[in-house]
Amino acid sequence: MAVKIRLRRVGTRNVPCYRIVVADQRSPRDGRFIENIGTYDPQKVKNNFQVDLERAKHWISKGAQPSDTVRSILKKAEKAQTAAPAAQA
């Protein structure tokens, strides 16, 4: 079974909002998924995503392939996580 980490649309018409999910590659975009690992709201300017990086790394280590958009969101989340402890100190 090929597993992908991708976006699942849950917003209403003209107000998109997405969940970052781990799903079988063959399932439809808004269909069955294995696990919900975050959210993405393109309407917001800053802090428009929330991701459980530990679960994302777990699934990537198991062979899950992130989509291009999710890959960029994960990159931003890792960057924000490394910057947050430095800002608190």
PDB file of N, CA and C in Angstrom:
ATOM      1  N   MET A   1       0.851  -1.186   0.000  1.00  0.00           N
ATOM      2  CA  MET A   1       0.000   0.000   0.000  1.00  0.00           C
ATOM      3  C   MET A   1       0.889   1.239   0.000  1.00  0.00           C
ATOM      4  N   ALA A   2       0.726   2.107  -0.991  1.00  0.00           N
ATOM      5  CA  ALA A   2       1.469   3.352  -1.082  1.00  0.00           C
ATOM      6  C   ALA A   2       0.760   4.410  -0.243  1.00  0.00           C
ATOM      7  N   VAL A   3       1.505   5.044   0.640  1.00  0.00           N
ATOM      8  CA  VAL A   3       0.929   6.024   1.562  1.00  0.00           C
ATOM      9  C   VAL A   3       1.461   7.409   1.226  1.00  0.00           C
ATOM     10  N   LYS A   4       0.565   8.401   1.228  1.00  0.00           N
ATOM     11  CA  LYS A   4       0.923   9.788   0.952  1.00  0.00           C
ATOM     12  C   LYS A   4       0.490  10.661   2.124  1.00  0.00           C
ATOM     13  N   ILE A   5       1.235  11.730   2.334  1.00  0.00           N
ATOM     14  CA  ILE A   5       0.829  12.773   3.272  1.00  0.00           C
ATOM     15  C   ILE A   5       0.363  13.922   2.392  1.00  0.00           C
ATOM     16  N   ARG A   6      -0.915  14.279   2.505  1.00  0.00           N
ATOM     17  CA  ARG A   6      -1.487  15.261   1.601  1.00  0.00           C
ATOM     18  C   ARG A   6      -2.570  16.078   2.282  1.00  0.00           C
ATOM     19  N   LEU A   7      -3.104  17.053   1.539  1.00  0.00           N
ATOM     20  CA  LEU A   7      -4.143  17.929   2.062  1.00  0.00           C
ATOM     21  C   LEU A   7      -5.519  17.363   1.767  1.00  0.00           C
ATOM     22  N   ARG A   8      -6.415  17.541   2.729  1.00  0.00           N
ATOM     23  CA  ARG A   8      -7.817  17.135   2.588  1.00  0.00           C
ATOM     24  C   ARG A   8      -8.667  18.372   2.823  1.00  0.00           C
ATOM     25  N   ARG A   9      -9.432  18.785   1.836  1.00  0.00           N
ATOM     26  CA  ARG A   9     -10.217  20.014   1.949  1.00  0.00           C
ATOM     27  C   ARG A   9     -11.427  19.796   2.842  1.00  0.00           C
ATOM     28  N   VAL A  10     -11.616  20.717   3.802  1.00  0.00           N
ATOM     29  CA  VAL A  10     -12.771  20.654   4.690  1.00  0.00           C
ATOM     30  C   VAL A  10     -13.515  21.977   4.728  1.00  0.00           C
ATOM     31  N   GLY A  11     -13.017  22.998   4.070  1.00  0.00           N
ATOM     32  CA  GLY A  11     -13.660  24.304   4.098  1.00  0.00           C
ATOM     33  C   GLY A  11     -14.878  24.369   3.207  1.00  0.00           C
ATOM     34  N   THR A  12     -15.635  25.441   3.388  1.00  0.00           N
ATOM     35  CA  THR A  12     -16.827  25.645   2.576  1.00  0.00           C
ATOM     36  C   THR A  12     -16.446  26.300   1.245  1.00  0.00           C
ATOM     37  N   ARG A  13     -17.440  26.540   0.423  1.00  0.00           N
ATOM     38  CA  ARG A  13     -17.183  27.160  -0.868  1.00  0.00           C
ATOM     39  C   ARG A  13     -16.585  28.549  -0.681  1.00  0.00           C
ATOM     40  N   ASN A  14     -15.531  28.845  -1.403  1.00  0.00           N
ATOM     41  CA  ASN A  14     -14.797  30.109  -1.364  1.00  0.00           C
ATOM     42  C   ASN A  14     -14.083  30.377  -0.041  1.00  0.00           C
ATOM     43  N   VAL A  15     -14.096  29.432   0.885  1.00  0.00           N
ATOM     44  CA  VAL A  15     -13.365  29.576   2.154  1.00  0.00           C
ATOM     45  C   VAL A  15     -12.598  28.268   2.395  1.00  0.00           C
ATOM     46  N   PRO A  16     -11.480  28.082   1.680  1.00  0.00           N
ATOM     47  CA  PRO A  16     -10.772  26.815   1.811  1.00  0.00           C
ATOM     48  C   PRO A  16     -10.069  26.674   3.158  1.00  0.00           C
ATOM     49  N   CYS A  17     -10.107  25.485   3.684  1.00  0.00           N
ATOM     50  CA  CYS A  17      -9.385  25.103   4.892  1.00  0.00           C
ATOM     51  C   CYS A  17      -9.024  23.635   4.702  1.00  0.00           C
ATOM     52  N   TYR A  18      -7.843  23.252   5.102  1.00  0.00           N
ATOM     53  CA  TYR A  18      -7.373  21.906   4.809  1.00  0.00           C
ATOM     54  C   TYR A  18      -6.887  21.206   6.068  1.00  0.00           C
ATOM     55  N   ARG A  19      -6.987  19.889   6.065  1.00  0.00           N
ATOM     56  CA  ARG A  19      -6.368  19.056   7.077  1.00  0.00           C
ATOM     57  C   ARG A  19      -5.212  18.332   6.416  1.00  0.00           C
ATOM     58  N   ILE A  20      -4.122  18.193   7.140  1.00  0.00           N
ATOM     59  CA  ILE A  20      -2.975  17.442   6.643  1.00  0.00           C
ATOM     60  C   ILE A  20      -3.166  16.011   7.129  1.00  0.00           C
ATOM     61  N   VAL A  21      -3.333  15.091   6.190  1.00  0.00           N
ATOM     62  CA  VAL A  21      -3.663  13.717   6.541  1.00  0.00           C
ATOM     63  C   VAL A  21      -2.688  12.741   5.898  1.00  0.00           C
ATOM     64  N   VAL A  22      -2.603  11.568   6.506  1.00  0.00           N
ATOM     65  CA  VAL A  22      -1.872  10.441   5.941  1.00  0.00           C
ATOM     66  C   VAL A  22      -2.940   9.538   5.331  1.00  0.00           C
ATOM     67  N   ALA A  23      -2.832   9.269   4.030  1.00  0.00           N
ATOM     68  CA  ALA A  23      -3.868   8.502   3.344  1.00  0.00           C
ATOM     69  C   ALA A  23      -3.249   7.562   2.316  1.00  0.00           C
ATOM     70  N   ASP A  24      -4.017   6.530   1.988  1.00  0.00           N
ATOM     71  CA  ASP A  24      -3.631   5.638   0.901  1.00  0.00           C
ATOM     72  C   ASP A  24      -3.668   6.443  -0.392  1.00  0.00           C
ATOM     73  N   GLN A  25      -2.699   6.229  -1.237  1.00  0.00           N
ATOM     74  CA  GLN A  25      -2.585   6.975  -2.487  1.00  0.00           C
ATOM     75  C   GLN A  25      -3.806   6.803  -3.378  1.00  0.00           C
ATOM     76  N   ARG A  26      -4.473   5.666  -3.292  1.00  0.00           N
ATOM     77  CA  ARG A  26      -5.608   5.371  -4.174  1.00  0.00           C
ATOM     78  C   ARG A  26      -6.917   5.978  -3.686  1.00  0.00           C
ATOM     79  N   SER A  27      -6.990   6.428  -2.441  1.00  0.00           N
ATOM     80  CA  SER A  27      -8.238   6.993  -1.934  1.00  0.00           C
ATOM     81  C   SER A  27      -8.440   8.410  -2.486  1.00  0.00           C
ATOM     82  N   PRO A  28      -9.701   8.855  -2.631  1.00  0.00           N
ATOM     83  CA  PRO A  28      -9.956  10.197  -3.160  1.00  0.00           C
ATOM     84  C   PRO A  28      -9.482  11.292  -2.208  1.00  0.00           C
ATOM     85  N   ARG A  29      -9.372  12.503  -2.733  1.00  0.00           N
ATOM     86  CA  ARG A  29      -8.834  13.631  -1.966  1.00  0.00           C
ATOM     87  C   ARG A  29      -9.539  13.822  -0.629  1.00  0.00           C
ATOM     88  N   ASP A  30     -10.855  13.785  -0.627  1.00  0.00           N
ATOM     89  CA  ASP A  30     -11.613  14.008   0.604  1.00  0.00           C
ATOM     90  C   ASP A  30     -12.171  12.711   1.169  1.00  0.00           C
ATOM     91  N   GLY A  31     -11.609  11.590   0.756  1.00  0.00           N
ATOM     92  CA  GLY A  31     -12.109  10.293   1.189  1.00  0.00           C
ATOM     93  C   GLY A  31     -11.417   9.790   2.454  1.00  0.00           C
ATOM     94  N   ARG A  32     -11.294   8.460   2.536  1.00  0.00           N
ATOM     95  CA  ARG A  32     -10.717   7.821   3.713  1.00  0.00           C
ATOM     96  C   ARG A  32      -9.282   8.261   3.941  1.00  0.00           C
ATOM     97  N   PHE A  33      -8.912   8.326   5.218  1.00  0.00           N
ATOM     98  CA  PHE A  33      -7.531   8.622   5.571  1.00  0.00           C
ATOM     99  C   PHE A  33      -7.135   7.775   6.765  1.00  0.00           C
ATOM    100  N   ILE A  34      -5.839   7.653   6.988  1.00  0.00           N
ATOM    101  CA  ILE A  34      -5.324   6.826   8.065  1.00  0.00           C
ATOM    102  C   ILE A  34      -5.198   7.641   9.344  1.00  0.00           C
ATOM    103  N   GLU A  35      -4.626   8.840   9.232  1.00  0.00           N
ATOM    104  CA  GLU A  35      -4.405   9.677  10.417  1.00  0.00           C
ATOM    105  C   GLU A  35      -4.406  11.150  10.034  1.00  0.00           C
ATOM    106  N   ASN A  36      -4.943  11.968  10.910  1.00  0.00           N
ATOM    107  CA  ASN A  36      -4.952  13.416  10.752  1.00  0.00           C
ATOM    108  C   ASN A  36      -3.762  13.959  11.562  1.00  0.00           C
ATOM    109  N   ILE A  37      -2.821  14.649  10.897  1.00  0.00           N
ATOM    110  CA  ILE A  37      -1.635  15.121  11.618  1.00  0.00           C
ATOM    111  C   ILE A  37      -1.509  16.641  11.673  1.00  0.00           C
ATOM    112  N   GLY A  38      -2.482  17.378  11.130  1.00  0.00           N
ATOM    113  CA  GLY A  38      -2.386  18.826  11.220  1.00  0.00           C
ATOM    114  C   GLY A  38      -3.444  19.539  10.410  1.00  0.00           C
ATOM    115  N   THR A  39      -3.329  20.874  10.385  1.00  0.00           N
ATOM    116  CA  THR A  39      -4.253  21.712   9.639  1.00  0.00           C
ATOM    117  C   THR A  39      -3.475  22.778   8.875  1.00  0.00           C
ATOM    118  N   TYR A  40      -4.128  23.324   7.842  1.00  0.00           N
ATOM    119  CA  TYR A  40      -3.552  24.397   7.042  1.00  0.00           C
ATOM    120  C   TYR A  40      -4.678  25.322   6.616  1.00  0.00           C
ATOM    121  N   ASP A  41      -4.527  26.623   6.909  1.00  0.00           N
ATOM    122  CA  ASP A  41      -5.539  27.615   6.548  1.00  0.00           C
ATOM    123  C   ASP A  41      -4.887  28.672   5.666  1.00  0.00           C
ATOM    124  N   PRO A  42      -5.064  28.585   4.351  1.00  0.00           N
ATOM    125  CA  PRO A  42      -4.409  29.530   3.450  1.00  0.00           C
ATOM    126  C   PRO A  42      -4.962  30.952   3.539  1.00  0.00           C
ATOM    127  N   GLN A  43      -6.085  31.157   4.202  1.00  0.00           N
ATOM    128  CA  GLN A  43      -6.674  32.492   4.339  1.00  0.00           C
ATOM    129  C   GLN A  43      -5.875  33.362   5.317  1.00  0.00           C
ATOM    130  N   LYS A  44      -5.223  32.738   6.285  1.00  0.00           N
ATOM    131  CA  LYS A  44      -4.436  33.493   7.272  1.00  0.00           C
ATOM    132  C   LYS A  44      -3.100  33.891   6.672  1.00  0.00           C
ATOM    133  N   VAL A  45      -2.532  34.982   7.206  1.00  0.00           N
ATOM    134  CA  VAL A  45      -1.248  35.454   6.715  1.00  0.00           C
ATOM    135  C   VAL A  45      -0.103  34.782   7.468  1.00  0.00           C
ATOM    136  N   LYS A  46      -0.152  34.790   8.789  1.00  0.00           N
ATOM    137  CA  LYS A  46       0.899  34.166   9.599  1.00  0.00           C
ATOM    138  C   LYS A  46       0.291  33.057  10.447  1.00  0.00           C
ATOM    139  N   ASN A  47       1.130  32.117  10.830  1.00  0.00           N
ATOM    140  CA  ASN A  47       0.689  30.972  11.634  1.00  0.00           C
ATOM    141  C   ASN A  47      -0.519  30.295  11.003  1.00  0.00           C
ATOM    142  N   ASN A  48      -0.416  30.007   9.702  1.00  0.00           N
ATOM    143  CA  ASN A  48      -1.546  29.416   8.997  1.00  0.00           C
ATOM    144  C   ASN A  48      -1.506  27.895   8.957  1.00  0.00           C
ATOM    145  N   PHE A  49      -0.624  27.281   9.750  1.00  0.00           N
ATOM    146  CA  PHE A  49      -0.576  25.829   9.788  1.00  0.00           C
ATOM    147  C   PHE A  49      -0.276  25.349  11.200  1.00  0.00           C
ATOM    148  N   GLN A  50      -0.684  24.118  11.460  1.00  0.00           N
ATOM    149  CA  GLN A  50      -0.399  23.447  12.722  1.00  0.00           C
ATOM    150  C   GLN A  50      -0.125  21.997  12.357  1.00  0.00           C
ATOM    151  N   VAL A  51       1.067  21.497  12.709  1.00  0.00           N
ATOM    152  CA  VAL A  51       1.468  20.162  12.303  1.00  0.00           C
ATOM    153  C   VAL A  51       2.094  19.429  13.479  1.00  0.00           C
ATOM    154  N   ASP A  52       1.756  18.161  13.624  1.00  0.00           N
ATOM    155  CA  ASP A  52       2.410  17.287  14.592  1.00  0.00           C
ATOM    156  C   ASP A  52       3.646  16.719  13.894  1.00  0.00           C
ATOM    157  N   LEU A  53       4.802  17.382  14.097  1.00  0.00           N
ATOM    158  CA  LEU A  53       6.021  16.996  13.393  1.00  0.00           C
ATOM    159  C   LEU A  53       6.498  15.599  13.752  1.00  0.00           C
ATOM    160  N   GLU A  54       6.277  15.175  14.980  1.00  0.00           N
ATOM    161  CA  GLU A  54       6.703  13.836  15.382  1.00  0.00           C
ATOM    162  C   GLU A  54       5.978  12.769  14.567  1.00  0.00           C
ATOM    163  N   ARG A  55       4.665  12.928  14.415  1.00  0.00           N
ATOM    164  CA  ARG A  55       3.893  11.961  13.635  1.00  0.00           C
ATOM    165  C   ARG A  55       4.261  12.040  12.148  1.00  0.00           C
ATOM    166  N   ALA A  56       4.534  13.241  11.651  1.00  0.00           N
ATOM    167  CA  ALA A  56       4.937  13.386  10.248  1.00  0.00           C
ATOM    168  C   ALA A  56       6.268  12.675  10.008  1.00  0.00           C
ATOM    169  N   LYS A  57       7.224  12.863  10.911  1.00  0.00           N
ATOM    170  CA  LYS A  57       8.518  12.185  10.776  1.00  0.00           C
ATOM    171  C   LYS A  57       8.349  10.674  10.880  1.00  0.00           C
ATOM    172  N   HIS A  58       7.455  10.224  11.757  1.00  0.00           N
ATOM    173  CA  HIS A  58       7.186   8.800  11.894  1.00  0.00           C
ATOM    174  C   HIS A  58       6.695   8.212  10.571  1.00  0.00           C
ATOM    175  N   TRP A  59       5.721   8.874   9.946  1.00  0.00           N
ATOM    176  CA  TRP A  59       5.159   8.352   8.706  1.00  0.00           C
ATOM    177  C   TRP A  59       6.163   8.428   7.565  1.00  0.00           C
ATOM    178  N   ILE A  60       6.971   9.471   7.528  1.00  0.00           N
ATOM    179  CA  ILE A  60       7.995   9.579   6.487  1.00  0.00           C
ATOM    180  C   ILE A  60       9.025   8.465   6.652  1.00  0.00           C
ATOM    181  N   SER A  61       9.361   8.138   7.906  1.00  0.00           N
ATOM    182  CA  SER A  61      10.307   7.040   8.142  1.00  0.00           C
ATOM    183  C   SER A  61       9.718   5.698   7.723  1.00  0.00           C
ATOM    184  N   LYS A  62       8.401   5.574   7.740  1.00  0.00           N
ATOM    185  CA  LYS A  62       7.731   4.342   7.309  1.00  0.00           C
ATOM    186  C   LYS A  62       7.547   4.284   5.792  1.00  0.00           C
ATOM    187  N   GLY A  63       7.914   5.362   5.078  1.00  0.00           N
ATOM    188  CA  GLY A  63       7.841   5.351   3.619  1.00  0.00           C
ATOM    189  C   GLY A  63       6.776   6.239   3.015  1.00  0.00           C
ATOM    190  N   ALA A  64       6.065   7.020   3.816  1.00  0.00           N
ATOM    191  CA  ALA A  64       5.030   7.916   3.281  1.00  0.00           C
ATOM    192  C   ALA A  64       5.687   9.051   2.496  1.00  0.00           C
ATOM    193  N   GLN A  65       5.082   9.418   1.378  1.00  0.00           N
ATOM    194  CA  GLN A  65       5.594  10.478   0.527  1.00  0.00           C
ATOM    195  C   GLN A  65       4.729  11.724   0.672  1.00  0.00           C
ATOM    196  N   PRO A  66       5.292  12.849   1.152  1.00  0.00           N
ATOM    197  CA  PRO A  66       4.489  14.072   1.243  1.00  0.00           C
ATOM    198  C   PRO A  66       4.288  14.710  -0.134  1.00  0.00           C
ATOM    199  N   SER A  67       3.139  15.350  -0.315  1.00  0.00           N
ATOM    200  CA  SER A  67       2.900  16.097  -1.547  1.00  0.00           C
ATOM    201  C   SER A  67       3.797  17.340  -1.525  1.00  0.00           C
ATOM    202  N   ASP A  68       3.890  18.040  -2.640  1.00  0.00           N
ATOM    203  CA  ASP A  68       4.759  19.216  -2.722  1.00  0.00           C
ATOM    204  C   ASP A  68       4.360  20.284  -1.710  1.00  0.00           C
ATOM    205  N   THR A  69       3.058  20.549  -1.603  1.00  0.00           N
ATOM    206  CA  THR A  69       2.568  21.566  -0.668  1.00  0.00           C
ATOM    207  C   THR A  69       2.842  21.155   0.767  1.00  0.00           C
ATOM    208  N   VAL A  70       2.584  19.912   1.093  1.00  0.00           N
ATOM    209  CA  VAL A  70       2.819  19.435   2.459  1.00  0.00           C
ATOM    210  C   VAL A  70       4.311  19.455   2.775  1.00  0.00           C
ATOM    211  N   ARG A  71       5.145  19.129   1.796  1.00  0.00           N
ATOM    212  CA  ARG A  71       6.596  19.173   2.011  1.00  0.00           C
ATOM    213  C   ARG A  71       7.041  20.584   2.397  1.00  0.00           C
ATOM    214  N   SER A  72       6.503  21.611   1.719  1.00  0.00           N
ATOM    215  CA  SER A  72       6.879  22.989   2.047  1.00  0.00           C
ATOM    216  C   SER A  72       6.331  23.401   3.416  1.00  0.00           C
ATOM    217  N   ILE A  73       5.129  22.918   3.774  1.00  0.00           N
ATOM    218  CA  ILE A  73       4.560  23.219   5.087  1.00  0.00           C
ATOM    219  C   ILE A  73       5.412  22.576   6.178  1.00  0.00           C
ATOM    220  N   LEU A  74       5.844  21.338   5.969  1.00  0.00           N
ATOM    221  CA  LEU A  74       6.681  20.657   6.954  1.00  0.00           C
ATOM    222  C   LEU A  74       8.015  21.373   7.124  1.00  0.00           C
ATOM    223  N   LYS A  75       8.575  21.874   6.020  1.00  0.00           N
ATOM    224  CA  LYS A  75       9.827  22.612   6.085  1.00  0.00           C
ATOM    225  C   LYS A  75       9.663  23.881   6.936  1.00  0.00           C
ATOM    226  N   LYS A  76       8.554  24.607   6.705  1.00  0.00           N
ATOM    227  CA  LYS A  76       8.279  25.820   7.473  1.00  0.00           C
ATOM    228  C   LYS A  76       8.041  25.492   8.945  1.00  0.00           C
ATOM    229  N   ALA A  77       7.362  24.384   9.220  1.00  0.00           N
ATOM    230  CA  ALA A  77       7.088  23.988  10.596  1.00  0.00           C
ATOM    231  C   ALA A  77       8.372  23.632  11.334  1.00  0.00           C
ATOM    232  N   GLU A  78       9.285  22.931  10.669  1.00  0.00           N
ATOM    233  CA  GLU A  78      10.568  22.598  11.289  1.00  0.00           C
ATOM    234  C   GLU A  78      11.379  23.853  11.567  1.00  0.00           C
ATOM    235  N   LYS A  79      11.341  24.789  10.624  1.00  0.00           N
ATOM    236  CA  LYS A  79      12.061  26.052  10.794  1.00  0.00           C
ATOM    237  C   LYS A  79      11.489  26.849  11.968  1.00  0.00           C
ATOM    238  N   ALA A  80      10.164  26.879  12.079  1.00  0.00           N
ATOM    239  CA  ALA A  80       9.513  27.602  13.172  1.00  0.00           C
ATOM    240  C   ALA A  80       9.792  26.928  14.511  1.00  0.00           C
ATOM    241  N   GLN A  81       9.853  25.599  14.522  1.00  0.00           N
ATOM    242  CA  GLN A  81      10.101  24.874  15.764  1.00  0.00           C
ATOM    243  C   GLN A  81      11.530  25.119  16.249  1.00  0.00           C
ATOM    244  N   THR A  82      12.499  25.181  15.362  1.00  0.00           N
ATOM    245  CA  THR A  82      13.882  25.438  15.771  1.00  0.00           C
ATOM    246  C   THR A  82      14.071  26.883  16.199  1.00  0.00           C
ATOM    247  N   ALA A  83      13.296  27.805  15.621  1.00  0.00           N
ATOM    248  CA  ALA A  83      13.406  29.214  15.990  1.00  0.00           C
ATOM    249  C   ALA A  83      12.704  29.511  17.313  1.00  0.00           C
ATOM    250  N   ALA A  84      11.662  28.749  17.648  1.00  0.00           N
ATOM    251  CA  ALA A  84      10.885  29.004  18.868  1.00  0.00           C
ATOM    252  C   ALA A  84      11.713  28.821  20.144  1.00  0.00           C
ATOM    253  N   PRO A  85      12.471  27.738  20.333  1.00  0.00           N
ATOM    254  CA  PRO A  85      13.278  27.614  21.557  1.00  0.00           C
ATOM    255  C   PRO A  85      14.333  28.699  21.680  1.00  0.00           C
ATOM    256  N   ALA A  86      14.893  29.158  20.565  1.00  0.00           N
ATOM    257  CA  ALA A  86      15.894  30.213  20.598  1.00  0.00           C
ATOM    258  C   ALA A  86      15.270  31.543  21.028  1.00  0.00           C
ATOM    259  N   ALA A  87      14.028  31.775  20.619  1.00  0.00           N
ATOM    260  CA  ALA A  87      13.335  33.013  20.975  1.00  0.00           C
ATOM    261  C   ALA A  87      12.937  33.032  22.446  1.00  0.00           C
ATOM    262  N   GLN A  88      12.638  31.860  23.010  1.00  0.00           N
ATOM    263  CA  GLN A  88      12.235  31.782  24.413  1.00  0.00           C
ATOM    264  C   GLN A  88      13.429  31.946  25.351  1.00  0.00           C
ATOM    265  N   ALA A  89      14.605  31.602  24.928  1.00  0.00           N
ATOM    266  CA  ALA A  89      15.801  31.659  25.800  1.00  0.00           C
ATOM    267  C   ALA A  89      16.312  33.052  25.983  1.00  0.00           C
TER     268      ALA A  89
END
